[in-house]
Amino acid sequence: MNPLIKPFRESLEMLDRVQAESVFQQALTTLSPIQAVEQVVVPALEQIGAAWEAGSVALSQVYMSGRFCEELVEHVLPPSDPDRKHQPRSAIVVLSDYHMLGKRIVYSVMRASGFELFDYGRMGVDELVARAQADKIRVLLISVLILPSALRVRDVCTRLKAAASGIKVLVGGAPFLFDAQMWQEVGADAMGHSAADAVNIVEGWMGEMQ
């Protein structure tokens, strides 16, 4: 484990943007931008997310940490055209939910692993189904925190399959961790336990889509 994770996480928890950037720049002296994001930023955000779930940090700390890290990632890994020919057109979304940290972490890890994907932000079922089809998405990553949102994934999957869209749906979030069978019950194609899982699953699907 990278020794810079702890000071980086602590600077985020103290909402010290200057110190966080200083630690991140230190990481860049020995790591590539992708490695720095993968080995320092993502683990720190995951630890802060776990601390929030345990009740030891405030939601404001989680939110601001995510915002700080988004700025750092955007600076060293500027977004480019999502329409890359050697990748399936992909998108990530929070479905009918207000917890964005999980999506932020997965989005950062996906981009740090060389993927480009549309960030749909937060959407309801109708808007998501229409947008995914309009954008000709092949892989859709859906993040949720609460059970009602997880159950709405069924509506999304049912409508995408009825339209013969061919879109693969990857889900993640607390309800799917608590109930290991739920992802299958709502009709998703796979479930990721972590951001790293998402990368591995999509890479596996890429082989099938060649």
N, C-alpha and C. Protein backbone atom coordinates (compact mmCIF):
# COMPACT_ATOMS: atom_id res chain seq x y z
N MET A 1 0.85 -1.20 0.00
CA MET A 1 0.00 0.00 0.00
C MET A 1 0.88 1.25 0.00
N ASN A 2 0.53 2.21 -0.84
CA ASN A 2 1.34 3.41 -0.97
C ASN A 2 1.31 4.23 0.33
N PRO A 3 2.49 4.63 0.85
CA PRO A 3 2.53 5.38 2.11
C PRO A 3 1.91 6.77 2.02
N LEU A 4 1.67 7.26 0.81
CA LEU A 4 1.08 8.59 0.66
C LEU A 4 -0.44 8.57 0.82
N ILE A 5 -1.03 7.39 0.86
CA ILE A 5 -2.49 7.32 1.00
C ILE A 5 -2.95 7.98 2.30
N LYS A 6 -2.27 7.66 3.39
CA LYS A 6 -2.69 8.19 4.70
C LYS A 6 -2.62 9.71 4.76
N PRO A 7 -1.47 10.34 4.41
CA PRO A 7 -1.46 11.81 4.46
C PRO A 7 -2.42 12.46 3.46
N PHE A 8 -2.61 11.80 2.32
CA PHE A 8 -3.55 12.34 1.34
C PHE A 8 -4.97 12.28 1.89
N ARG A 9 -5.34 11.13 2.47
CA ARG A 9 -6.67 10.98 3.05
C ARG A 9 -6.89 11.98 4.18
N GLU A 10 -5.89 12.14 5.05
CA GLU A 10 -6.02 13.06 6.17
C GLU A 10 -6.20 14.50 5.71
N SER A 11 -5.49 14.88 4.65
CA SER A 11 -5.62 16.24 4.14
C SER A 11 -7.03 16.45 3.56
N LEU A 12 -7.57 15.41 2.93
CA LEU A 12 -8.93 15.51 2.41
C LEU A 12 -9.94 15.63 3.55
N GLU A 13 -9.76 14.82 4.57
CA GLU A 13 -10.69 14.85 5.71
C GLU A 13 -10.66 16.19 6.42
N MET A 14 -9.50 16.87 6.41
CA MET A 14 -9.40 18.20 7.01
C MET A 14 -9.82 19.30 6.04
N LEU A 15 -10.22 18.88 4.82
CA LEU A 15 -10.63 19.81 3.77
C LEU A 15 -9.52 20.79 3.43
N ASP A 16 -8.28 20.29 3.51
CA ASP A 16 -7.10 21.11 3.22
C ASP A 16 -6.70 20.86 1.76
N ARG A 17 -7.27 21.66 0.87
CA ARG A 17 -7.03 21.49 -0.56
C ARG A 17 -5.55 21.65 -0.92
N VAL A 18 -4.89 22.64 -0.28
CA VAL A 18 -3.48 22.90 -0.59
C VAL A 18 -2.61 21.71 -0.22
N GLN A 19 -2.84 21.16 0.98
CA GLN A 19 -2.05 20.02 1.42
C GLN A 19 -2.34 18.79 0.56
N ALA A 20 -3.61 18.60 0.20
CA ALA A 20 -3.97 17.46 -0.64
C ALA A 20 -3.25 17.53 -1.98
N GLU A 21 -3.22 18.72 -2.57
CA GLU A 21 -2.54 18.87 -3.85
C GLU A 21 -1.04 18.67 -3.70
N SER A 22 -0.48 19.12 -2.56
CA SER A 22 0.95 18.93 -2.31
C SER A 22 1.30 17.45 -2.24
N VAL A 23 0.49 16.68 -1.52
CA VAL A 23 0.75 15.23 -1.42
C VAL A 23 0.59 14.57 -2.78
N PHE A 24 -0.41 15.01 -3.52
CA PHE A 24 -0.63 14.44 -4.85
C PHE A 24 0.56 14.74 -5.77
N GLN A 25 1.07 15.96 -5.71
CA GLN A 25 2.24 16.32 -6.52
C GLN A 25 3.45 15.48 -6.11
N GLN A 26 3.55 15.18 -4.81
CA GLN A 26 4.62 14.31 -4.34
C GLN A 26 4.50 12.92 -4.96
N ALA A 27 3.27 12.44 -5.05
CA ALA A 27 3.06 11.13 -5.67
C ALA A 27 3.49 11.14 -7.14
N LEU A 28 3.26 12.27 -7.81
CA LEU A 28 3.60 12.37 -9.23
C LEU A 28 5.10 12.39 -9.49
N THR A 29 5.90 12.58 -8.45
CA THR A 29 7.36 12.56 -8.66
C THR A 29 7.86 11.14 -8.90
N THR A 30 7.11 10.14 -8.47
CA THR A 30 7.55 8.75 -8.64
C THR A 30 6.54 7.90 -9.42
N LEU A 31 5.34 8.45 -9.64
CA LEU A 31 4.30 7.69 -10.32
C LEU A 31 3.79 8.46 -11.52
N SER A 32 3.29 7.73 -12.52
CA SER A 32 2.61 8.38 -13.64
C SER A 32 1.27 8.90 -13.14
N PRO A 33 0.65 9.83 -13.88
CA PRO A 33 -0.66 10.32 -13.44
C PRO A 33 -1.66 9.20 -13.18
N ILE A 34 -1.72 8.22 -14.07
CA ILE A 34 -2.66 7.11 -13.89
C ILE A 34 -2.34 6.33 -12.63
N GLN A 35 -1.05 6.06 -12.40
CA GLN A 35 -0.64 5.32 -11.20
C GLN A 35 -0.96 6.11 -9.94
N ALA A 36 -0.75 7.44 -9.98
CA ALA A 36 -1.03 8.27 -8.80
C ALA A 36 -2.51 8.24 -8.45
N VAL A 37 -3.36 8.28 -9.47
CA VAL A 37 -4.80 8.21 -9.22
C VAL A 37 -5.17 6.85 -8.67
N GLU A 38 -4.64 5.80 -9.31
CA GLU A 38 -4.97 4.43 -8.92
C GLU A 38 -4.47 4.09 -7.52
N GLN A 39 -3.23 4.51 -7.21
CA GLN A 39 -2.57 4.05 -6.00
C GLN A 39 -2.72 4.99 -4.80
N VAL A 40 -3.13 6.23 -5.05
CA VAL A 40 -3.25 7.19 -3.94
C VAL A 40 -4.68 7.75 -3.84
N VAL A 41 -5.18 8.34 -4.93
CA VAL A 41 -6.48 9.00 -4.87
C VAL A 41 -7.61 8.02 -4.60
N VAL A 42 -7.67 6.96 -5.39
CA VAL A 42 -8.80 6.03 -5.27
C VAL A 42 -8.82 5.33 -3.91
N PRO A 43 -7.69 4.79 -3.42
CA PRO A 43 -7.73 4.17 -2.09
C PRO A 43 -8.15 5.15 -0.99
N ALA A 44 -7.67 6.40 -1.09
CA ALA A 44 -8.03 7.39 -0.08
C ALA A 44 -9.53 7.66 -0.09
N LEU A 45 -10.10 7.81 -1.29
CA LEU A 45 -11.54 8.05 -1.38
C LEU A 45 -12.34 6.85 -0.88
N GLU A 46 -11.86 5.66 -1.19
CA GLU A 46 -12.55 4.46 -0.71
C GLU A 46 -12.53 4.40 0.82
N GLN A 47 -11.40 4.77 1.42
CA GLN A 47 -11.29 4.77 2.88
C GLN A 47 -12.22 5.82 3.49
N ILE A 48 -12.31 6.98 2.86
CA ILE A 48 -13.19 8.02 3.37
C ILE A 48 -14.65 7.58 3.25
N GLY A 49 -14.98 6.92 2.14
CA GLY A 49 -16.33 6.39 1.98
C GLY A 49 -16.67 5.38 3.06
N ALA A 50 -15.71 4.50 3.37
CA ALA A 50 -15.92 3.50 4.42
C ALA A 50 -16.06 4.18 5.79
N ALA A 51 -15.28 5.24 6.02
CA ALA A 51 -15.35 5.96 7.29
C ALA A 51 -16.70 6.65 7.44
N TRP A 52 -17.25 7.16 6.33
CA TRP A 52 -18.57 7.77 6.40
C TRP A 52 -19.62 6.72 6.76
N GLU A 53 -19.53 5.55 6.13
CA GLU A 53 -20.49 4.49 6.43
C GLU A 53 -20.38 4.04 7.88
N ALA A 54 -19.16 4.16 8.46
CA ALA A 54 -18.95 3.78 9.86
C ALA A 54 -19.32 4.91 10.82
N GLY A 55 -19.63 6.09 10.26
CA GLY A 55 -20.05 7.21 11.09
C GLY A 55 -18.93 8.05 11.66
N SER A 56 -17.70 7.90 11.12
CA SER A 56 -16.57 8.63 11.71
C SER A 56 -16.19 9.89 10.94
N VAL A 57 -16.79 10.11 9.76
CA VAL A 57 -16.60 11.37 9.05
C VAL A 57 -17.96 11.87 8.60
N ALA A 58 -18.04 13.18 8.38
CA ALA A 58 -19.31 13.79 7.99
C ALA A 58 -19.53 13.70 6.48
N LEU A 59 -20.78 13.77 6.07
CA LEU A 59 -21.10 13.72 4.65
C LEU A 59 -20.45 14.89 3.90
N SER A 60 -20.34 16.03 4.57
CA SER A 60 -19.69 17.19 3.94
C SER A 60 -18.23 16.88 3.60
N GLN A 61 -17.56 16.11 4.46
CA GLN A 61 -16.18 15.72 4.19
C GLN A 61 -16.10 14.78 2.99
N VAL A 62 -17.06 13.88 2.91
CA VAL A 62 -17.10 12.95 1.77
C VAL A 62 -17.31 13.74 0.48
N TYR A 63 -18.26 14.66 0.51
CA TYR A 63 -18.60 15.43 -0.69
C TYR A 63 -17.42 16.28 -1.15
N MET A 64 -16.82 17.04 -0.22
CA MET A 64 -15.73 17.92 -0.59
C MET A 64 -14.49 17.14 -1.01
N SER A 65 -14.25 15.99 -0.39
CA SER A 65 -13.12 15.15 -0.79
C SER A 65 -13.29 14.71 -2.24
N GLY A 66 -14.50 14.31 -2.56
CA GLY A 66 -14.78 13.90 -3.93
C GLY A 66 -14.56 15.04 -4.92
N ARG A 67 -15.00 16.24 -4.55
CA ARG A 67 -14.83 17.40 -5.43
C ARG A 67 -13.36 17.74 -5.61
N PHE A 68 -12.59 17.74 -4.51
CA PHE A 68 -11.15 18.02 -4.61
C PHE A 68 -10.49 17.04 -5.57
N CYS A 69 -10.81 15.76 -5.38
CA CYS A 69 -10.16 14.73 -6.18
C CYS A 69 -10.59 14.79 -7.63
N GLU A 70 -11.83 15.15 -7.88
CA GLU A 70 -12.27 15.33 -9.26
C GLU A 70 -11.42 16.38 -9.96
N GLU A 71 -11.15 17.47 -9.26
CA GLU A 71 -10.34 18.54 -9.84
C GLU A 71 -8.92 18.06 -10.13
N LEU A 72 -8.36 17.30 -9.19
CA LEU A 72 -7.00 16.78 -9.40
C LEU A 72 -6.96 15.83 -10.59
N VAL A 73 -7.95 14.94 -10.66
CA VAL A 73 -7.98 13.96 -11.75
C VAL A 73 -8.18 14.66 -13.09
N GLU A 74 -9.09 15.64 -13.13
CA GLU A 74 -9.34 16.35 -14.38
C GLU A 74 -8.09 17.10 -14.84
N HIS A 75 -7.27 17.55 -13.89
CA HIS A 75 -6.06 18.30 -14.24
C HIS A 75 -5.01 17.40 -14.88
N VAL A 76 -4.81 16.21 -14.30
CA VAL A 76 -3.75 15.32 -14.82
C VAL A 76 -4.26 14.37 -15.90
N LEU A 77 -5.58 14.12 -15.92
CA LEU A 77 -6.17 13.23 -16.94
C LEU A 77 -7.35 13.95 -17.57
N PRO A 78 -7.08 14.98 -18.40
CA PRO A 78 -8.18 15.74 -18.97
C PRO A 78 -9.08 14.86 -19.83
N PRO A 79 -10.39 15.11 -19.77
CA PRO A 79 -11.32 14.27 -20.54
C PRO A 79 -11.12 14.43 -22.03
N SER A 80 -11.34 13.37 -22.76
CA SER A 80 -11.28 13.42 -24.22
C SER A 80 -12.56 12.83 -24.77
N ASP A 81 -12.64 12.70 -26.04
CA ASP A 81 -13.86 12.23 -26.70
C ASP A 81 -14.22 10.83 -26.23
N PRO A 82 -15.42 10.65 -25.67
CA PRO A 82 -15.81 9.30 -25.23
C PRO A 82 -15.95 8.31 -26.39
N ASP A 83 -16.08 8.81 -27.60
CA ASP A 83 -16.34 7.93 -28.74
C ASP A 83 -15.04 7.35 -29.30
N ARG A 84 -14.38 6.50 -28.53
CA ARG A 84 -13.16 5.85 -28.98
C ARG A 84 -13.52 4.55 -29.69
N LYS A 85 -12.90 4.32 -30.82
CA LYS A 85 -13.31 3.19 -31.65
C LYS A 85 -12.93 1.85 -31.04
N HIS A 86 -11.85 1.79 -30.23
CA HIS A 86 -11.42 0.51 -29.70
C HIS A 86 -12.07 0.18 -28.36
N GLN A 87 -13.00 1.01 -27.92
CA GLN A 87 -13.71 0.75 -26.67
C GLN A 87 -15.21 0.74 -26.93
N PRO A 88 -15.94 -0.04 -26.15
CA PRO A 88 -17.40 0.06 -26.26
C PRO A 88 -17.86 1.41 -25.72
N ARG A 89 -18.81 2.02 -26.39
CA ARG A 89 -19.33 3.29 -25.88
C ARG A 89 -19.96 3.04 -24.52
N SER A 90 -19.47 3.73 -23.51
CA SER A 90 -19.88 3.45 -22.13
C SER A 90 -20.37 4.71 -21.45
N ALA A 91 -21.21 4.51 -20.43
CA ALA A 91 -21.72 5.63 -19.63
C ALA A 91 -21.89 5.17 -18.19
N ILE A 92 -21.80 6.12 -17.28
CA ILE A 92 -22.00 5.84 -15.86
C ILE A 92 -23.04 6.79 -15.31
N VAL A 93 -23.87 6.30 -14.39
CA VAL A 93 -24.99 7.11 -13.90
C VAL A 93 -25.33 6.72 -12.47
N VAL A 94 -25.85 7.67 -11.73
CA VAL A 94 -26.49 7.40 -10.44
C VAL A 94 -27.98 7.38 -10.71
N LEU A 95 -28.64 6.27 -10.42
CA LEU A 95 -30.06 6.10 -10.75
C LEU A 95 -30.95 6.51 -9.58
N SER A 96 -31.69 7.59 -9.78
CA SER A 96 -32.71 8.02 -8.80
C SER A 96 -32.17 8.05 -7.38
N ASP A 97 -30.97 8.57 -7.21
CA ASP A 97 -30.31 8.54 -5.91
C ASP A 97 -29.54 9.84 -5.74
N TYR A 98 -29.13 10.14 -4.51
CA TYR A 98 -28.43 11.39 -4.26
C TYR A 98 -27.03 11.19 -3.71
N HIS A 99 -26.55 9.98 -3.74
CA HIS A 99 -25.21 9.68 -3.22
C HIS A 99 -24.27 9.50 -4.40
N MET A 100 -23.36 10.43 -4.59
CA MET A 100 -22.54 10.45 -5.80
C MET A 100 -21.13 9.87 -5.60
N LEU A 101 -20.74 9.59 -4.37
CA LEU A 101 -19.35 9.19 -4.13
C LEU A 101 -18.99 7.91 -4.87
N GLY A 102 -19.87 6.91 -4.82
CA GLY A 102 -19.56 5.65 -5.49
C GLY A 102 -19.30 5.85 -6.97
N LYS A 103 -20.14 6.65 -7.62
CA LYS A 103 -19.95 6.93 -9.05
C LYS A 103 -18.64 7.65 -9.28
N ARG A 104 -18.32 8.63 -8.41
CA ARG A 104 -17.07 9.36 -8.57
C ARG A 104 -15.86 8.42 -8.54
N ILE A 105 -15.88 7.49 -7.58
CA ILE A 105 -14.75 6.58 -7.44
C ILE A 105 -14.63 5.70 -8.68
N VAL A 106 -15.74 5.11 -9.10
CA VAL A 106 -15.70 4.23 -10.27
C VAL A 106 -15.28 5.01 -11.52
N TYR A 107 -15.83 6.21 -11.69
CA TYR A 107 -15.49 7.03 -12.85
C TYR A 107 -13.99 7.33 -12.87
N SER A 108 -13.44 7.68 -11.71
CA SER A 108 -12.01 7.97 -11.63
C SER A 108 -11.17 6.75 -11.97
N VAL A 109 -11.55 5.61 -11.42
CA VAL A 109 -10.77 4.39 -11.67
C VAL A 109 -10.88 3.97 -13.13
N MET A 110 -12.05 4.08 -13.71
CA MET A 110 -12.21 3.73 -15.11
C MET A 110 -11.33 4.61 -15.99
N ARG A 111 -11.34 5.90 -15.73
CA ARG A 111 -10.52 6.81 -16.53
C ARG A 111 -9.05 6.59 -16.26
N ALA A 112 -8.71 6.29 -15.01
CA ALA A 112 -7.32 6.03 -14.68
C ALA A 112 -6.83 4.76 -15.36
N SER A 113 -7.76 3.89 -15.72
CA SER A 113 -7.40 2.64 -16.39
C SER A 113 -7.47 2.76 -17.91
N GLY A 114 -7.65 3.98 -18.40
CA GLY A 114 -7.60 4.22 -19.83
C GLY A 114 -8.94 4.27 -20.53
N PHE A 115 -10.03 4.16 -19.80
CA PHE A 115 -11.36 4.21 -20.40
C PHE A 115 -11.86 5.65 -20.48
N GLU A 116 -12.67 5.92 -21.49
CA GLU A 116 -13.42 7.17 -21.55
C GLU A 116 -14.89 6.80 -21.53
N LEU A 117 -15.67 7.52 -20.76
CA LEU A 117 -17.08 7.21 -20.68
C LEU A 117 -17.89 8.47 -20.39
N PHE A 118 -19.13 8.44 -20.86
CA PHE A 118 -20.03 9.55 -20.59
C PHE A 118 -20.42 9.52 -19.12
N ASP A 119 -20.40 10.70 -18.49
CA ASP A 119 -20.88 10.83 -17.11
C ASP A 119 -22.27 11.43 -17.17
N TYR A 120 -23.27 10.60 -16.93
CA TYR A 120 -24.66 11.06 -17.01
C TYR A 120 -25.13 11.74 -15.73
N GLY A 121 -24.29 11.75 -14.70
CA GLY A 121 -24.71 12.37 -13.46
C GLY A 121 -25.82 11.57 -12.79
N ARG A 122 -26.92 12.24 -12.45
CA ARG A 122 -28.05 11.59 -11.79
C ARG A 122 -29.25 11.62 -12.74
N MET A 123 -29.90 10.48 -12.92
CA MET A 123 -31.05 10.41 -13.82
C MET A 123 -32.11 9.48 -13.26
N GLY A 124 -33.35 9.68 -13.74
CA GLY A 124 -34.43 8.76 -13.46
C GLY A 124 -34.50 7.71 -14.56
N VAL A 125 -35.41 6.78 -14.43
CA VAL A 125 -35.50 5.65 -15.37
C VAL A 125 -35.78 6.11 -16.80
N ASP A 126 -36.80 6.92 -16.99
CA ASP A 126 -37.20 7.33 -18.34
C ASP A 126 -36.07 8.05 -19.07
N GLU A 127 -35.48 9.02 -18.39
CA GLU A 127 -34.41 9.80 -19.00
C GLU A 127 -33.21 8.92 -19.33
N LEU A 128 -32.88 8.00 -18.43
CA LEU A 128 -31.71 7.15 -18.63
C LEU A 128 -31.90 6.22 -19.82
N VAL A 129 -33.05 5.56 -19.91
CA VAL A 129 -33.30 4.64 -21.02
C VAL A 129 -33.23 5.38 -22.35
N ALA A 130 -33.84 6.55 -22.42
CA ALA A 130 -33.84 7.33 -23.66
C ALA A 130 -32.43 7.78 -24.03
N ARG A 131 -31.69 8.26 -23.04
CA ARG A 131 -30.35 8.79 -23.33
C ARG A 131 -29.39 7.67 -23.74
N ALA A 132 -29.45 6.54 -23.04
CA ALA A 132 -28.55 5.43 -23.36
C ALA A 132 -28.76 4.94 -24.79
N GLN A 133 -30.02 4.88 -25.20
CA GLN A 133 -30.31 4.43 -26.57
C GLN A 133 -29.91 5.49 -27.59
N ALA A 134 -30.15 6.75 -27.28
CA ALA A 134 -29.80 7.83 -28.20
C ALA A 134 -28.29 7.91 -28.41
N ASP A 135 -27.54 7.65 -27.34
CA ASP A 135 -26.07 7.72 -27.42
C ASP A 135 -25.45 6.43 -27.94
N LYS A 136 -26.30 5.43 -28.23
CA LYS A 136 -25.81 4.13 -28.72
C LYS A 136 -24.78 3.52 -27.75
N ILE A 137 -25.14 3.57 -26.47
CA ILE A 137 -24.27 3.03 -25.43
C ILE A 137 -24.24 1.50 -25.53
N ARG A 138 -23.08 0.91 -25.28
CA ARG A 138 -22.94 -0.54 -25.26
C ARG A 138 -22.79 -1.07 -23.83
N VAL A 139 -22.20 -0.24 -22.95
CA VAL A 139 -21.99 -0.63 -21.55
C VAL A 139 -22.51 0.49 -20.65
N LEU A 140 -23.41 0.14 -19.73
CA LEU A 140 -24.01 1.12 -18.83
C LEU A 140 -23.70 0.73 -17.40
N LEU A 141 -23.01 1.61 -16.68
CA LEU A 141 -22.68 1.37 -15.28
C LEU A 141 -23.66 2.17 -14.42
N ILE A 142 -24.36 1.48 -13.53
CA ILE A 142 -25.37 2.12 -12.68
C ILE A 142 -24.97 2.00 -11.21
N SER A 143 -24.92 3.15 -10.54
CA SER A 143 -24.55 3.19 -9.12
C SER A 143 -25.77 3.59 -8.28
N VAL A 144 -25.98 2.89 -7.16
CA VAL A 144 -27.07 3.23 -6.25
C VAL A 144 -26.58 3.07 -4.81
N LEU A 145 -27.26 3.72 -3.88
CA LEU A 145 -26.95 3.56 -2.46
C LEU A 145 -28.13 2.97 -1.70
N ILE A 146 -29.34 3.32 -2.10
CA ILE A 146 -30.51 2.89 -1.33
C ILE A 146 -31.31 1.83 -2.10
N LEU A 147 -32.06 1.02 -1.36
CA LEU A 147 -32.80 -0.10 -1.94
C LEU A 147 -33.82 0.32 -3.00
N PRO A 148 -34.64 1.35 -2.77
CA PRO A 148 -35.61 1.71 -3.81
C PRO A 148 -34.94 2.01 -5.16
N SER A 149 -33.77 2.64 -5.12
CA SER A 149 -33.05 2.94 -6.37
C SER A 149 -32.56 1.65 -7.02
N ALA A 150 -32.08 0.72 -6.19
CA ALA A 150 -31.61 -0.57 -6.73
C ALA A 150 -32.75 -1.31 -7.42
N LEU A 151 -33.94 -1.25 -6.84
CA LEU A 151 -35.08 -1.96 -7.43
C LEU A 151 -35.52 -1.33 -8.76
N ARG A 152 -35.24 -0.05 -8.93
CA ARG A 152 -35.60 0.61 -10.20
C ARG A 152 -34.71 0.15 -11.34
N VAL A 153 -33.59 -0.47 -11.02
CA VAL A 153 -32.73 -1.01 -12.08
C VAL A 153 -33.51 -2.02 -12.92
N ARG A 154 -34.43 -2.72 -12.28
CA ARG A 154 -35.25 -3.70 -13.02
C ARG A 154 -36.00 -3.03 -14.17
N ASP A 155 -36.56 -1.85 -13.92
CA ASP A 155 -37.28 -1.13 -14.97
C ASP A 155 -36.35 -0.78 -16.12
N VAL A 156 -35.14 -0.33 -15.78
CA VAL A 156 -34.17 0.04 -16.81
C VAL A 156 -33.82 -1.18 -17.66
N CYS A 157 -33.47 -2.28 -17.01
CA CYS A 157 -33.05 -3.48 -17.73
C CYS A 157 -34.18 -4.05 -18.58
N THR A 158 -35.39 -4.06 -18.02
CA THR A 158 -36.54 -4.58 -18.76
C THR A 158 -36.79 -3.79 -20.03
N ARG A 159 -36.71 -2.48 -19.93
CA ARG A 159 -36.99 -1.62 -21.08
C ARG A 159 -35.87 -1.68 -22.12
N LEU A 160 -34.63 -1.78 -21.65
CA LEU A 160 -33.52 -1.89 -22.60
C LEU A 160 -33.57 -3.22 -23.36
N LYS A 161 -33.91 -4.29 -22.64
CA LYS A 161 -34.02 -5.59 -23.30
C LYS A 161 -35.20 -5.63 -24.26
N ALA A 162 -36.32 -5.02 -23.88
CA ALA A 162 -37.49 -4.98 -24.74
C ALA A 162 -37.19 -4.24 -26.04
N ALA A 163 -36.30 -3.26 -25.96
CA ALA A 163 -35.93 -2.48 -27.14
C ALA A 163 -34.81 -3.16 -27.93
N ALA A 164 -34.37 -4.35 -27.47
CA ALA A 164 -33.28 -5.08 -28.13
C ALA A 164 -32.06 -4.18 -28.31
N SER A 165 -31.76 -3.40 -27.27
CA SER A 165 -30.66 -2.43 -27.36
C SER A 165 -29.28 -3.08 -27.32
N GLY A 166 -29.20 -4.27 -26.74
CA GLY A 166 -27.90 -4.93 -26.63
C GLY A 166 -26.98 -4.30 -25.60
N ILE A 167 -27.51 -3.40 -24.78
CA ILE A 167 -26.69 -2.72 -23.77
C ILE A 167 -26.42 -3.65 -22.60
N LYS A 168 -25.15 -3.76 -22.22
CA LYS A 168 -24.76 -4.53 -21.03
C LYS A 168 -24.87 -3.60 -19.82
N VAL A 169 -25.49 -4.09 -18.75
CA VAL A 169 -25.70 -3.28 -17.55
C VAL A 169 -24.87 -3.84 -16.40
N LEU A 170 -24.02 -2.99 -15.85
CA LEU A 170 -23.18 -3.33 -14.69
C LEU A 170 -23.64 -2.48 -13.52
N VAL A 171 -23.98 -3.12 -12.39
CA VAL A 171 -24.49 -2.39 -11.24
C VAL A 171 -23.53 -2.48 -10.06
N GLY A 172 -23.65 -1.51 -9.16
CA GLY A 172 -22.85 -1.53 -7.94
C GLY A 172 -23.48 -0.64 -6.89
N GLY A 173 -23.11 -0.86 -5.64
CA GLY A 173 -23.64 -0.06 -4.55
C GLY A 173 -24.09 -0.95 -3.40
N ALA A 174 -24.37 -0.32 -2.28
CA ALA A 174 -24.64 -1.02 -1.04
C ALA A 174 -25.74 -2.10 -1.13
N PRO A 175 -26.89 -1.84 -1.77
CA PRO A 175 -27.92 -2.88 -1.79
C PRO A 175 -27.45 -4.17 -2.46
N PHE A 176 -26.61 -4.05 -3.47
CA PHE A 176 -26.12 -5.23 -4.18
C PHE A 176 -25.03 -5.95 -3.38
N LEU A 177 -24.37 -5.23 -2.49
CA LEU A 177 -23.39 -5.87 -1.61
C LEU A 177 -24.09 -6.63 -0.49
N PHE A 178 -25.20 -6.07 -0.02
CA PHE A 178 -25.94 -6.71 1.08
C PHE A 178 -26.69 -7.97 0.59
N ASP A 179 -27.15 -7.94 -0.64
CA ASP A 179 -27.89 -9.07 -1.20
C ASP A 179 -27.18 -9.52 -2.47
N ALA A 180 -26.43 -10.59 -2.38
CA ALA A 180 -25.56 -11.04 -3.48
C ALA A 180 -26.33 -11.47 -4.71
N GLN A 181 -27.63 -11.75 -4.58
CA GLN A 181 -28.41 -12.20 -5.72
C GLN A 181 -29.22 -11.09 -6.38
N MET A 182 -29.25 -9.92 -5.76
CA MET A 182 -30.15 -8.87 -6.24
C MET A 182 -29.84 -8.44 -7.67
N TRP A 183 -28.56 -8.39 -8.03
CA TRP A 183 -28.23 -7.91 -9.38
C TRP A 183 -28.87 -8.81 -10.44
N GLN A 184 -28.93 -10.11 -10.15
CA GLN A 184 -29.57 -11.02 -11.10
C GLN A 184 -31.09 -10.84 -11.09
N GLU A 185 -31.64 -10.59 -9.90
CA GLU A 185 -33.09 -10.43 -9.78
C GLU A 185 -33.60 -9.20 -10.52
N VAL A 186 -32.78 -8.15 -10.61
CA VAL A 186 -33.22 -6.94 -11.32
C VAL A 186 -32.84 -6.97 -12.80
N GLY A 187 -32.17 -8.04 -13.23
CA GLY A 187 -31.89 -8.20 -14.65
C GLY A 187 -30.59 -7.62 -15.15
N ALA A 188 -29.69 -7.23 -14.24
CA ALA A 188 -28.40 -6.71 -14.67
C ALA A 188 -27.53 -7.83 -15.24
N ASP A 189 -26.50 -7.46 -15.96
CA ASP A 189 -25.59 -8.44 -16.56
C ASP A 189 -24.43 -8.79 -15.64
N ALA A 190 -24.12 -7.91 -14.69
CA ALA A 190 -23.03 -8.18 -13.75
C ALA A 190 -23.11 -7.19 -12.60
N MET A 191 -22.41 -7.51 -11.52
CA MET A 191 -22.33 -6.63 -10.35
C MET A 191 -20.88 -6.51 -9.93
N GLY A 192 -20.45 -5.28 -9.65
CA GLY A 192 -19.08 -5.05 -9.20
C GLY A 192 -19.05 -4.79 -7.71
N HIS A 193 -18.15 -5.48 -7.01
CA HIS A 193 -17.99 -5.24 -5.57
C HIS A 193 -17.17 -3.97 -5.32
N SER A 194 -16.35 -3.58 -6.30
CA SER A 194 -15.45 -2.45 -6.12
C SER A 194 -15.22 -1.77 -7.46
N ALA A 195 -14.52 -0.64 -7.42
CA ALA A 195 -14.19 0.06 -8.66
C ALA A 195 -13.29 -0.80 -9.53
N ALA A 196 -12.36 -1.52 -8.91
CA ALA A 196 -11.47 -2.39 -9.68
C ALA A 196 -12.27 -3.48 -10.39
N ASP A 197 -13.30 -3.98 -9.74
CA ASP A 197 -14.18 -4.98 -10.36
C ASP A 197 -14.79 -4.42 -11.65
N ALA A 198 -15.21 -3.17 -11.60
CA ALA A 198 -15.84 -2.56 -12.78
C ALA A 198 -14.88 -2.58 -13.96
N VAL A 199 -13.65 -2.24 -13.72
CA VAL A 199 -12.64 -2.24 -14.79
C VAL A 199 -12.49 -3.64 -15.37
N ASN A 200 -12.34 -4.63 -14.50
CA ASN A 200 -12.13 -6.01 -14.96
C ASN A 200 -13.33 -6.54 -15.74
N ILE A 201 -14.53 -6.22 -15.26
CA ILE A 201 -15.73 -6.70 -15.94
C ILE A 201 -15.86 -6.09 -17.33
N VAL A 202 -15.66 -4.77 -17.42
CA VAL A 202 -15.78 -4.12 -18.72
C VAL A 202 -14.70 -4.59 -19.67
N GLU A 203 -13.49 -4.80 -19.16
CA GLU A 203 -12.42 -5.32 -20.02
C GLU A 203 -12.79 -6.71 -20.55
N GLY A 204 -13.43 -7.53 -19.71
CA GLY A 204 -13.88 -8.84 -20.16
C GLY A 204 -14.94 -8.73 -21.25
N TRP A 205 -15.87 -7.78 -21.07
CA TRP A 205 -16.91 -7.60 -22.08
C TRP A 205 -16.32 -7.10 -23.40
N MET A 206 -15.26 -6.31 -23.32
CA MET A 206 -14.64 -5.80 -24.53
C MET A 206 -14.23 -6.94 -25.46
N GLY A 207 -13.71 -8.02 -24.86
CA GLY A 207 -13.30 -9.18 -25.66
C GLY A 207 -14.48 -9.80 -26.39
N GLU A 208 -15.64 -9.79 -25.74
CA GLU A 208 -16.84 -10.38 -26.34
C GLU A 208 -17.41 -9.47 -27.44
N MET A 209 -17.10 -8.17 -27.36
CA MET A 209 -17.70 -7.22 -28.29
C MET A 209 -16.85 -6.98 -29.52
N GLN A 210 -15.68 -7.59 -29.59
CA GLN A 210 -14.80 -7.39 -30.73
C GLN A 210 -15.47 -7.89 -32.01
